[in-house]
Amino acid sequence: MKIGHLKFIFAGMKITITDHQGNWATLFAEEKKKISHILGFLDPAIVHIGSTSVPGLCAKPIIDIQVGLKSADDLDKTIVPMQQQYTYIKLYEPDWPERRYYCLYKNENDKSLPTIIDVDDVSPSKQGLISLVHIHVFVKDTDDWIRHIAFRDYLASHSDVRDTYCQLKRELAKQEFENMISYNDAKNDFVKDVQQKAIIWYGALLKID
C-alpha cells in the first residue's frame, strides 16, 4: 500500500512517535479499572483502541480507550462522574455529538488541570496540556464503535498495512503542526481508506462467527 502525498503543515507543534511499548497494555488495564469504578452504574464495555492497542505498531505514547454504553440517554450521565478523574472535552462535541470525550493530562506549566474544555476554549495543546489518555464514549455497537474495533483488529491482522501506517506516522513526525487535529487531517486519506477495508473485513468475520 502506498502512503501517497503527504500534507505539509508548519506551525510549531511536533508529534512524538515511539516504538510499540510493552507497558501500554498495562497502562490501559490501570485506566480500565478506574473507569469501571467510576461508571460501574452504567455497566460499560471498555476496550483498548488506537495505535497503542496494536502489537508492533509505532504510536504517540497516548492510551486510547473506547467506552461503550447501552443507550444514548446514558452519554451525559458520564460527565460529572468522569470529571472526578479526567477532563471533559466539550470543545469538539458540536462536530461529534454522538461522542463524549475525556482526557487525562499533565500540565507542562505545573498549573491545576481543568475539569472541562468548553466549546469556546482554546485547544488543549495551546493551554500547555500534554495528553496521557484519551477516552471516547459511544453507544456500543454503533458505527463509531465498530469502526474503531475493526481498524484495530485489521491492523493487528495485516502486518504490511500496520508497517505502512507506521512509516507514514514517522514521516509526519518530521513536520510541525498547528494542533492534533491538523496531524490527524494529514493521516486522514490513509486512515479512511484502511477503515473502509477494515469494516468490510470485520463484517465478514462476524458473519463467519
Protein backbone atom coordinates (compact mmCIF):
# COMPACT_ATOMS: atom_id res chain seq x y z
CA MET A 1 0.00 0.00 0.00
CA LYS A 2 1.40 3.40 -0.97
CA ILE A 3 1.43 6.23 1.50
CA GLY A 4 0.66 8.82 -1.13
CA HIS A 5 1.19 12.55 -0.97
CA LEU A 6 1.93 13.94 2.48
CA LYS A 7 0.24 17.14 3.60
CA PHE A 8 2.82 19.62 4.91
CA ILE A 9 1.70 21.94 7.69
CA PHE A 10 4.21 24.10 9.53
CA ALA A 11 3.01 25.81 12.68
CA GLY A 12 5.14 24.75 15.64
CA MET A 13 3.72 21.57 17.20
CA LYS A 14 5.86 18.44 16.98
CA ILE A 15 4.39 14.94 17.22
CA THR A 16 6.24 12.28 19.19
CA ILE A 17 6.11 8.78 17.70
CA THR A 18 7.73 5.90 19.59
CA ASP A 19 8.21 2.20 19.01
CA HIS A 20 5.50 0.00 20.48
CA GLN A 21 5.93 -0.24 24.24
CA GLY A 22 5.20 -3.36 26.25
CA ASN A 23 3.68 -1.39 29.13
CA TRP A 24 0.88 0.16 27.05
CA ALA A 25 -1.40 -2.81 27.72
CA THR A 26 -0.70 -2.42 31.44
CA LEU A 27 -1.46 1.31 31.34
CA PHE A 28 -4.75 0.55 29.60
CA ALA A 29 -5.64 -2.03 32.25
CA GLU A 30 -4.99 0.52 35.00
CA GLU A 31 -7.26 3.12 33.38
CA LYS A 32 -9.92 0.50 32.65
CA LYS A 33 -10.06 -0.31 36.35
CA LYS A 34 -10.56 3.37 37.20
CA ILE A 35 -13.27 3.86 34.55
CA SER A 36 -15.04 0.67 35.61
CA HIS A 37 -15.22 2.03 39.14
CA ILE A 38 -16.43 5.48 38.04
CA LEU A 39 -19.02 4.27 35.53
CA GLY A 40 -19.94 0.95 37.06
CA PHE A 41 -23.55 2.07 37.47
CA LEU A 42 -23.82 2.09 33.65
CA ASP A 43 -22.19 -1.35 33.17
CA PRO A 44 -20.00 -0.14 30.28
CA ALA A 45 -17.88 -2.12 27.84
CA ILE A 46 -14.29 -0.80 27.97
CA VAL A 47 -11.73 -1.65 25.28
CA HIS A 48 -8.26 -0.58 24.21
CA ILE A 49 -8.23 1.07 20.75
CA GLY A 50 -5.88 3.18 18.67
CA SER A 51 -2.28 2.53 17.76
CA THR A 52 -1.16 1.66 21.29
CA SER A 53 -3.56 -1.31 21.17
CA VAL A 54 -1.92 -2.85 18.07
CA PRO A 55 1.14 -5.03 18.78
CA GLY A 56 4.18 -3.89 16.81
CA LEU A 57 2.72 -0.54 15.72
CA CYS A 58 4.58 2.66 16.49
CA ALA A 59 2.43 5.34 18.11
CA LYS A 60 2.12 8.53 20.07
CA PRO A 61 2.52 7.50 23.72
CA ILE A 62 -1.16 8.18 24.44
CA ILE A 63 -3.54 5.42 25.51
CA ASP A 64 -6.84 5.47 23.60
CA ILE A 65 -9.81 3.85 25.31
CA GLN A 66 -13.31 3.25 23.97
CA VAL A 67 -16.23 3.02 26.36
CA GLY A 68 -19.50 1.53 25.15
CA LEU A 69 -22.87 2.33 26.70
CA LYS A 70 -26.24 0.72 26.22
CA SER A 71 -28.15 3.88 25.31
CA ALA A 72 -27.58 7.41 24.01
CA ASP A 73 -29.56 8.55 27.04
CA ASP A 74 -26.58 7.48 29.16
CA LEU A 75 -23.96 9.64 27.43
CA ASP A 76 -24.49 12.74 29.54
CA LYS A 77 -24.70 10.63 32.69
CA THR A 78 -20.94 10.04 32.34
CA ILE A 79 -19.92 13.71 32.52
CA VAL A 80 -19.97 14.55 36.22
CA PRO A 81 -18.59 11.19 37.41
CA MET A 82 -15.77 11.22 34.84
CA GLN A 83 -14.75 14.74 35.84
CA GLN A 84 -13.62 13.28 39.16
CA GLN A 85 -10.56 11.88 37.38
CA TYR A 86 -10.48 13.30 33.84
CA THR A 87 -11.01 16.48 31.85
CA TYR A 88 -14.28 16.63 29.91
CA ILE A 89 -13.54 17.82 26.35
CA LYS A 90 -16.72 19.51 25.17
CA LEU A 91 -14.75 21.52 22.59
CA TYR A 92 -15.36 19.08 19.72
CA GLU A 93 -18.84 17.95 20.71
CA PRO A 94 -20.76 20.18 18.25
CA ASP A 95 -18.99 18.34 15.41
CA TRP A 96 -19.32 14.89 17.00
CA PRO A 97 -22.43 14.86 19.22
CA GLU A 98 -22.50 11.05 19.40
CA ARG A 99 -19.30 11.05 21.46
CA ARG A 100 -18.43 12.14 24.98
CA TYR A 101 -14.70 12.70 25.15
CA TYR A 102 -12.41 12.77 28.18
CA CYS A 103 -8.66 13.14 28.61
CA LEU A 104 -6.08 12.56 31.28
CA TYR A 105 -3.46 15.30 31.07
CA LYS A 106 -0.32 16.51 32.68
CA ASN A 107 0.40 20.22 32.57
CA GLU A 108 3.77 21.44 31.32
CA ASN A 109 3.20 24.69 33.24
CA ASP A 110 2.55 22.93 36.56
CA LYS A 111 -0.88 24.52 36.81
CA SER A 112 -4.03 22.78 38.02
CA LEU A 113 -5.84 20.72 35.42
CA PRO A 114 -9.22 21.87 34.11
CA THR A 115 -12.35 19.77 34.65
CA ILE A 116 -13.75 20.91 31.29
CA ILE A 117 -12.54 22.36 28.00
CA ASP A 118 -15.64 24.02 26.63
CA VAL A 119 -16.70 24.87 23.07
CA ASP A 120 -15.29 28.41 23.28
CA ASP A 121 -11.97 27.47 24.88
CA VAL A 122 -8.62 27.26 23.12
CA SER A 123 -7.29 23.82 22.24
CA PRO A 124 -5.65 21.70 24.96
CA SER A 125 -2.19 21.92 23.35
CA LYS A 126 -2.35 25.73 23.39
CA GLN A 127 -3.13 25.52 27.12
CA GLY A 128 0.07 23.60 27.73
CA LEU A 129 -1.77 20.34 28.38
CA ILE A 130 0.02 17.09 27.49
CA SER A 131 -2.19 14.09 26.74
CA LEU A 132 -1.66 10.80 28.52
CA VAL A 133 -5.03 9.08 27.98
CA HIS A 134 -7.93 9.72 25.58
CA ILE A 135 -11.35 8.22 26.43
CA HIS A 136 -14.04 8.05 23.74
CA VAL A 137 -17.55 7.23 24.98
CA PHE A 138 -20.11 5.98 22.46
CA VAL A 139 -23.19 3.82 22.36
CA LYS A 140 -21.91 0.27 21.96
CA ASP A 141 -22.22 -1.40 18.54
CA THR A 142 -22.92 1.84 16.68
CA ASP A 143 -20.93 2.69 13.55
CA ASP A 144 -18.39 4.68 15.58
CA TRP A 145 -17.85 1.81 17.99
CA ILE A 146 -17.44 -0.79 15.24
CA ARG A 147 -15.17 1.40 13.11
CA HIS A 148 -12.54 1.69 15.83
CA ILE A 149 -12.65 -2.01 16.68
CA ALA A 150 -12.43 -3.02 13.02
CA PHE A 151 -9.48 -0.69 12.37
CA ARG A 152 -7.60 -2.04 15.40
CA ASP A 153 -8.16 -5.69 14.53
CA TYR A 154 -7.42 -5.18 10.82
CA LEU A 155 -4.04 -3.61 11.56
CA ALA A 156 -3.23 -6.36 14.05
CA SER A 157 -4.00 -8.97 11.37
CA HIS A 158 -2.28 -7.24 8.42
CA SER A 159 1.33 -6.51 9.30
CA ASP A 160 2.06 -4.93 5.91
CA VAL A 161 -0.64 -2.30 6.41
CA ARG A 162 0.45 -1.82 10.02
CA ASP A 163 4.04 -1.16 8.94
CA THR A 164 2.98 1.23 6.17
CA TYR A 165 0.92 3.15 8.69
CA CYS A 166 3.93 3.34 11.00
CA GLN A 167 6.06 4.64 8.14
CA LEU A 168 3.50 7.36 7.42
CA LYS A 169 3.43 8.45 11.05
CA ARG A 170 7.20 8.62 11.27
CA GLU A 171 7.31 10.79 8.13
CA LEU A 172 4.65 13.10 9.54
CA ALA A 173 6.54 13.35 12.82
CA LYS A 174 9.30 15.18 10.94
CA GLN A 175 6.87 18.02 10.30
CA GLU A 176 5.24 20.60 12.55
CA PHE A 177 1.50 21.03 13.07
CA GLU A 178 -0.91 23.62 14.36
CA ASN A 179 -2.57 21.10 16.67
CA MET A 180 -3.54 17.43 16.94
CA ILE A 181 -6.45 17.92 14.56
CA SER A 182 -4.02 19.07 11.86
CA TYR A 183 -1.91 15.97 12.44
CA ASN A 184 -4.95 13.72 12.18
CA ASP A 185 -6.02 15.51 9.00
CA ALA A 186 -2.63 14.70 7.48
CA LYS A 187 -3.28 10.99 8.10
CA ASN A 188 -6.91 11.13 7.06
CA ASP A 189 -6.69 9.80 3.49
CA PHE A 190 -4.72 6.74 4.57
CA VAL A 191 -6.84 6.07 7.65
CA LYS A 192 -10.16 6.42 5.82
CA ASP A 193 -9.01 4.05 3.08
CA VAL A 194 -7.91 1.41 5.59
CA GLN A 195 -11.04 1.87 7.70
CA GLN A 196 -13.29 1.12 4.73
CA LYS A 197 -11.40 -2.11 4.06
CA ALA A 198 -11.34 -2.95 7.76
CA ILE A 199 -15.10 -2.58 8.19
CA ILE A 200 -15.78 -4.94 5.27
CA TRP A 201 -13.20 -7.41 6.59
CA TYR A 202 -14.55 -7.21 10.13
CA GLY A 203 -18.14 -7.64 8.99
CA ALA A 204 -17.17 -10.81 7.14
CA LEU A 205 -15.55 -12.17 10.29
CA LEU A 206 -18.70 -11.54 12.29
CA LYS A 207 -20.77 -13.44 9.72
CA ILE A 208 -18.39 -16.39 9.96
CA ASP A 209 -18.74 -16.41 13.74
